[in-house]
């Protein structure tokens, strides 16, 4: 692999054996190297393949600012998170996590702290990601001799949620968390009864809201099945359907989205499960 650009001693842009451009991370990977030199591939810890147009000054600044210890720590945290979550995360998570840890540690040393107003929601709606983030937080505090608060685990969890949906933005994850919260309130107010958060049907409903919300942001709703059972569902579950109409109004007013018959059917069935089983 031939070096095209050196970001720092531990990160560089190369042309791989297939002629593609990659960003490589590894301790001492580019130490005493120059453009045109070859890389010791045994030192490679992580590879990123990007379009050449994306490898710009932003990456150069990022790698110049982040210490190699944080880059290596980020790799360990993400690999462990992938094991916990049973999935492969989008490769951009390596950049976003390293950048976030570096920023959080700098704030810690300056005595600055930000409360995570979504912490409770993140714990509630993304328990697996939060558990993985807590593991990461413990590792950060131990390896970097800091005492970052639990709020930071919430921020890390949001990055992990985001990285399971390639191309999404953290702001999108925040919006989806708010949508979940809003819809649960609509259902509870409609039935005047608190939801059982420990039930399987509760988690199914939350999962449905998440994926429906992501389809909104990706502009890919469920195709409307003309043979859907919406009329039968409306007749059999009238109260749940009325609640669904409130949800439909919520999406129309807040996101300019209309639920089709198939989507209304799914919401109605999920809501019925919440209160009838």
Protein backbone atom coordinates (compact mmCIF):
# COMPACT_ATOMS: atom_id res chain seq x y z
CA UNK A 1 0.00 0.00 0.00
CA UNK A 2 1.38 3.40 -1.03
CA UNK A 3 0.97 6.47 1.18
CA UNK A 4 -0.88 9.36 -0.44
CA UNK A 5 -1.20 11.65 2.58
CA UNK A 6 -0.05 11.50 6.21
CA UNK A 7 -2.45 12.86 8.82
CA UNK A 8 -0.23 12.06 11.82
CA UNK A 9 2.06 9.26 13.02
CA UNK A 10 -0.95 6.99 13.47
CA UNK A 11 -3.23 7.81 10.52
CA UNK A 12 -2.72 8.16 6.80
CA UNK A 13 -4.43 8.00 3.43
CA UNK A 14 -3.17 5.22 1.13
CA UNK A 15 -3.88 3.59 -2.19
CA UNK A 16 -4.62 -0.08 -1.53
CA UNK A 17 -3.81 -3.11 -3.69
CA UNK A 18 -7.09 -2.66 -5.59
CA UNK A 19 -6.41 0.98 -6.42
CA UNK A 20 -8.94 2.26 -3.87
CA UNK A 21 -8.18 5.05 -1.43
CA UNK A 22 -8.30 4.06 2.25
CA UNK A 23 -7.68 5.77 5.55
CA UNK A 24 -5.63 3.55 7.86
CA UNK A 25 -5.27 3.76 11.64
CA UNK A 26 -2.56 2.10 13.72
CA UNK A 27 -0.04 2.99 16.38
CA UNK A 28 3.12 4.33 14.71
CA UNK A 29 1.75 3.38 11.29
CA UNK A 30 3.13 6.47 9.52
CA UNK A 31 6.02 7.26 11.88
CA UNK A 32 9.06 8.52 9.90
CA UNK A 33 7.17 7.85 6.65
CA UNK A 34 6.57 10.20 3.72
CA UNK A 35 4.21 10.32 0.76
CA UNK A 36 4.99 7.53 -1.68
CA UNK A 37 6.36 5.14 0.96
CA UNK A 38 4.77 1.75 1.59
CA UNK A 39 2.99 0.80 4.83
CA UNK A 40 3.88 -1.96 7.26
CA UNK A 41 0.52 -3.75 7.04
CA UNK A 42 1.08 -5.55 10.35
CA UNK A 43 0.54 -2.20 12.11
CA UNK A 44 -2.90 -1.59 10.59
CA UNK A 45 -5.62 -1.60 13.25
CA UNK A 46 -8.52 -0.22 11.21
CA UNK A 47 -9.28 0.62 7.59
CA UNK A 48 -11.81 3.09 6.17
CA UNK A 49 -12.74 3.28 2.50
CA UNK A 50 -14.11 6.68 1.45
CA UNK A 51 -14.81 8.51 -1.77
CA UNK A 52 -11.84 10.70 -2.60
CA UNK A 53 -14.12 13.74 -2.40
CA UNK A 54 -14.75 12.98 1.29
CA UNK A 55 -11.08 12.90 2.26
CA UNK A 56 -10.64 16.61 2.80
CA UNK A 57 -9.20 19.04 5.30
CA UNK A 58 -11.78 17.99 7.91
CA UNK A 59 -10.12 14.60 8.25
CA UNK A 60 -6.71 16.20 8.36
CA UNK A 61 -7.81 18.45 11.26
CA UNK A 62 -9.54 15.57 13.04
CA UNK A 63 -6.54 13.26 13.02
CA UNK A 64 -4.18 16.05 13.97
CA UNK A 65 -6.27 16.81 17.07
CA UNK A 66 -7.07 13.32 18.39
CA UNK A 67 -4.32 11.48 20.34
CA UNK A 68 -3.50 7.95 19.24
CA UNK A 69 -4.53 6.62 22.68
CA UNK A 70 -8.07 7.86 22.09
CA UNK A 71 -8.11 6.44 18.55
CA UNK A 72 -7.01 3.04 19.86
CA UNK A 73 -9.48 3.26 22.75
CA UNK A 74 -12.30 4.03 20.31
CA UNK A 75 -11.48 0.92 18.30
CA UNK A 76 -11.65 -1.25 21.45
CA UNK A 77 -14.98 0.29 22.54
CA UNK A 78 -16.59 -0.19 19.13
CA UNK A 79 -15.39 -3.77 18.69
CA UNK A 80 -16.83 -4.65 22.11
CA UNK A 81 -20.08 -2.83 21.28
CA UNK A 82 -20.42 -4.83 18.06
CA UNK A 83 -20.12 -8.02 20.11
CA UNK A 84 -22.77 -6.84 22.60
CA UNK A 85 -25.16 -5.66 19.88
CA UNK A 86 -24.49 -8.56 17.53
CA UNK A 87 -24.05 -6.29 14.52
CA UNK A 88 -21.43 -4.56 12.40
CA UNK A 89 -21.58 -0.80 12.87
CA UNK A 90 -21.18 1.76 10.11
CA UNK A 91 -17.46 2.53 9.72
CA UNK A 92 -17.98 6.25 10.32
CA UNK A 93 -18.63 5.40 14.00
CA UNK A 94 -14.85 5.15 14.47
CA UNK A 95 -14.51 8.82 13.59
CA UNK A 96 -17.54 10.06 15.51
CA UNK A 97 -16.74 8.11 18.70
CA UNK A 98 -13.08 9.19 18.72
CA UNK A 99 -14.09 12.79 18.12
CA UNK A 100 -16.72 12.65 20.88
CA UNK A 101 -14.37 11.07 23.44
CA UNK A 102 -11.68 13.66 22.68
CA UNK A 103 -14.20 16.49 23.10
CA UNK A 104 -15.63 15.01 26.32
CA UNK A 105 -12.19 14.52 27.87
CA UNK A 106 -11.17 18.08 26.99
CA UNK A 107 -14.36 19.38 28.61
CA UNK A 108 -13.66 17.26 31.70
CA UNK A 109 -10.21 18.77 32.15
CA UNK A 110 -11.69 22.26 31.77
CA UNK A 111 -14.29 21.47 34.44
CA UNK A 112 -17.17 21.73 31.96
CA UNK A 113 -20.09 19.30 32.00
CA UNK A 114 -23.25 19.05 29.91
CA UNK A 115 -26.34 17.31 31.24
CA UNK A 116 -27.84 14.85 28.76
CA UNK A 117 -31.54 15.74 28.79
CA UNK A 118 -32.32 12.55 26.84
CA UNK A 119 -30.50 10.22 29.24
CA UNK A 120 -33.65 8.73 30.74
CA UNK A 121 -35.19 8.17 27.29
CA UNK A 122 -32.00 6.59 25.96
CA UNK A 123 -31.86 4.15 28.89
CA UNK A 124 -35.50 3.29 28.34
CA UNK A 125 -35.65 2.96 24.56
CA UNK A 126 -32.12 1.77 23.74
CA UNK A 127 -31.12 -0.48 26.66
CA UNK A 128 -28.67 -2.63 24.69
CA UNK A 129 -26.86 0.35 23.21
CA UNK A 130 -26.76 2.02 26.61
CA UNK A 131 -25.29 -1.12 28.20
CA UNK A 132 -22.57 -1.18 25.52
CA UNK A 133 -21.96 2.53 26.08
CA UNK A 134 -21.57 2.00 29.84
CA UNK A 135 -18.88 -0.59 29.13
CA UNK A 136 -17.18 1.98 26.93
CA UNK A 137 -17.48 4.68 29.58
CA UNK A 138 -15.83 2.42 32.17
CA UNK A 139 -12.96 1.80 29.77
CA UNK A 140 -12.56 5.51 29.02
CA UNK A 141 -12.48 6.45 32.70
CA UNK A 142 -9.96 3.71 33.49
CA UNK A 143 -7.62 4.17 30.52
CA UNK A 144 -7.63 7.98 30.53
CA UNK A 145 -7.79 8.47 34.32
CA UNK A 146 -10.93 10.61 34.16
CA UNK A 147 -14.37 10.42 35.79
CA UNK A 148 -16.82 11.16 32.99
CA UNK A 149 -20.45 11.00 34.21
CA UNK A 150 -23.18 8.63 33.08
CA UNK A 151 -24.50 11.40 30.82
CA UNK A 152 -21.59 10.64 28.48
CA UNK A 153 -22.73 7.02 28.19
CA UNK A 154 -26.00 8.42 26.88
CA UNK A 155 -24.18 10.37 24.18
CA UNK A 156 -22.10 7.32 23.26
CA UNK A 157 -25.27 5.22 23.05
CA UNK A 158 -26.77 7.69 20.59
CA UNK A 159 -23.72 7.26 18.36
CA UNK A 160 -24.16 3.48 18.56
CA UNK A 161 -27.85 3.75 17.65
CA UNK A 162 -26.98 6.03 14.77
CA UNK A 163 -24.23 3.72 13.48
CA UNK A 164 -26.72 0.88 13.01
CA UNK A 165 -28.45 2.97 10.35
CA UNK A 166 -25.90 3.96 7.74
CA UNK A 167 -26.22 7.56 6.60
CA UNK A 168 -28.29 8.72 9.55
CA UNK A 169 -27.43 11.76 11.62
CA UNK A 170 -27.34 12.13 15.40
CA UNK A 171 -29.99 14.84 15.10
CA UNK A 172 -32.20 12.25 13.43
CA UNK A 173 -31.70 9.86 16.34
CA UNK A 174 -32.69 12.63 18.76
CA UNK A 175 -35.84 13.33 16.74
CA UNK A 176 -36.77 9.66 16.68
CA UNK A 177 -36.31 9.41 20.44
CA UNK A 178 -38.67 12.36 20.83
CA UNK A 179 -41.21 10.76 18.48
CA UNK A 180 -41.18 7.55 20.53
CA UNK A 181 -41.75 9.53 23.69
CA UNK A 182 -44.56 11.60 22.14
CA UNK A 183 -46.42 8.59 20.76
CA UNK A 184 -46.25 6.70 24.05
CA UNK A 185 -47.77 9.74 25.77
CA UNK A 186 -50.55 9.88 23.15
CA UNK A 187 -51.42 6.24 23.79
CA UNK A 188 -51.33 6.57 27.58
CA UNK A 189 -53.50 9.69 27.52
CA UNK A 190 -55.98 8.10 25.15
CA UNK A 191 -56.49 5.01 27.31
CA UNK A 192 -55.88 6.85 30.59
CA UNK A 193 -53.68 3.99 31.70
CA UNK A 194 -49.93 3.67 32.13
CA UNK A 195 -48.13 1.30 29.81
CA UNK A 196 -46.36 -1.78 31.12
CA UNK A 197 -42.78 -0.98 30.14
CA UNK A 198 -41.59 -4.48 31.01
CA UNK A 199 -43.92 -6.20 28.55
CA UNK A 200 -42.83 -7.69 25.26
CA UNK A 201 -45.65 -5.88 23.46
CA UNK A 202 -44.36 -2.57 24.79
CA UNK A 203 -40.92 -3.23 23.31
CA UNK A 204 -42.52 -4.36 20.03
CA UNK A 205 -44.45 -1.11 19.84
CA UNK A 206 -41.36 1.00 20.58
CA UNK A 207 -39.43 -0.91 17.92
CA UNK A 208 -42.23 -0.32 15.40
CA UNK A 209 -42.21 3.42 16.13
CA UNK A 210 -38.44 3.60 15.67
CA UNK A 211 -38.45 1.91 12.29
CA UNK A 212 -41.51 3.79 11.10
CA UNK A 213 -39.83 7.04 12.10
CA UNK A 214 -36.64 6.13 10.26
CA UNK A 215 -38.72 5.46 7.14
CA UNK A 216 -40.08 8.99 7.46
CA UNK A 217 -36.59 10.48 7.40
CA UNK A 218 -35.51 8.20 4.56
CA UNK A 219 -38.80 9.00 2.77
CA UNK A 220 -39.64 5.30 2.33
CA UNK A 221 -43.01 4.47 3.84
CA UNK A 222 -44.58 1.01 3.70
CA UNK A 223 -46.30 0.36 0.39
CA UNK A 224 -50.05 0.58 0.80
CA UNK A 225 -51.52 -2.90 0.54
CA UNK A 226 -54.89 -2.53 -1.16
CA UNK A 227 -55.88 -5.89 0.33
CA UNK A 228 -55.00 -4.81 3.87
CA UNK A 229 -57.36 -5.67 6.70
CA UNK A 230 -57.91 -2.06 7.71
CA UNK A 231 -61.72 -2.29 7.60
CA UNK A 232 -61.71 -5.45 9.69
CA UNK A 233 -59.18 -3.97 12.11
CA UNK A 234 -61.23 -0.78 12.42
CA UNK A 235 -64.33 -2.81 13.24
CA UNK A 236 -62.66 -5.21 15.66
CA UNK A 237 -60.48 -2.69 17.51
CA UNK A 238 -62.40 0.61 17.40
CA UNK A 239 -60.73 2.20 20.46
CA UNK A 240 -57.24 1.34 19.29
CA UNK A 241 -58.08 2.69 15.85
CA UNK A 242 -59.26 5.98 17.36
CA UNK A 243 -55.89 6.21 19.11
CA UNK A 244 -54.17 5.53 15.78
CA UNK A 245 -56.06 8.48 14.27
CA UNK A 246 -54.52 10.68 16.96
CA UNK A 247 -51.10 9.36 15.97
CA UNK A 248 -51.93 10.06 12.34
CA UNK A 249 -52.79 13.66 13.28
CA UNK A 250 -49.50 13.96 15.17
CA UNK A 251 -47.45 12.95 12.13
CA UNK A 252 -49.49 15.15 9.79
CA UNK A 253 -49.07 18.24 11.97
CA UNK A 254 -45.43 17.72 12.95
CA UNK A 255 -43.88 15.98 9.94
CA UNK A 256 -46.36 16.56 7.10
CA UNK A 257 -46.72 12.78 6.75
CA UNK A 258 -49.97 10.92 6.12
CA UNK A 259 -50.29 7.33 7.31
CA UNK A 260 -51.65 5.00 4.63
CA UNK A 261 -54.08 2.17 5.41
CA UNK A 262 -51.35 -0.42 5.91
CA UNK A 263 -49.51 1.80 8.38
CA UNK A 264 -52.71 2.59 10.28
CA UNK A 265 -53.45 -1.12 10.46
CA UNK A 266 -50.03 -1.89 11.95
CA UNK A 267 -50.29 0.89 14.53
CA UNK A 268 -53.79 -0.25 15.52
CA UNK A 269 -52.72 -3.85 16.01
CA UNK A 270 -49.69 -2.84 18.08
CA UNK A 271 -51.80 -0.55 20.25
CA UNK A 272 -54.41 -3.25 20.78
CA UNK A 273 -51.70 -5.66 21.94
CA UNK A 274 -50.54 -3.12 24.52
CA UNK A 275 -53.85 -2.99 26.35
CA UNK A 276 -55.67 -6.22 25.58
CA UNK A 277 -53.00 -8.82 26.30
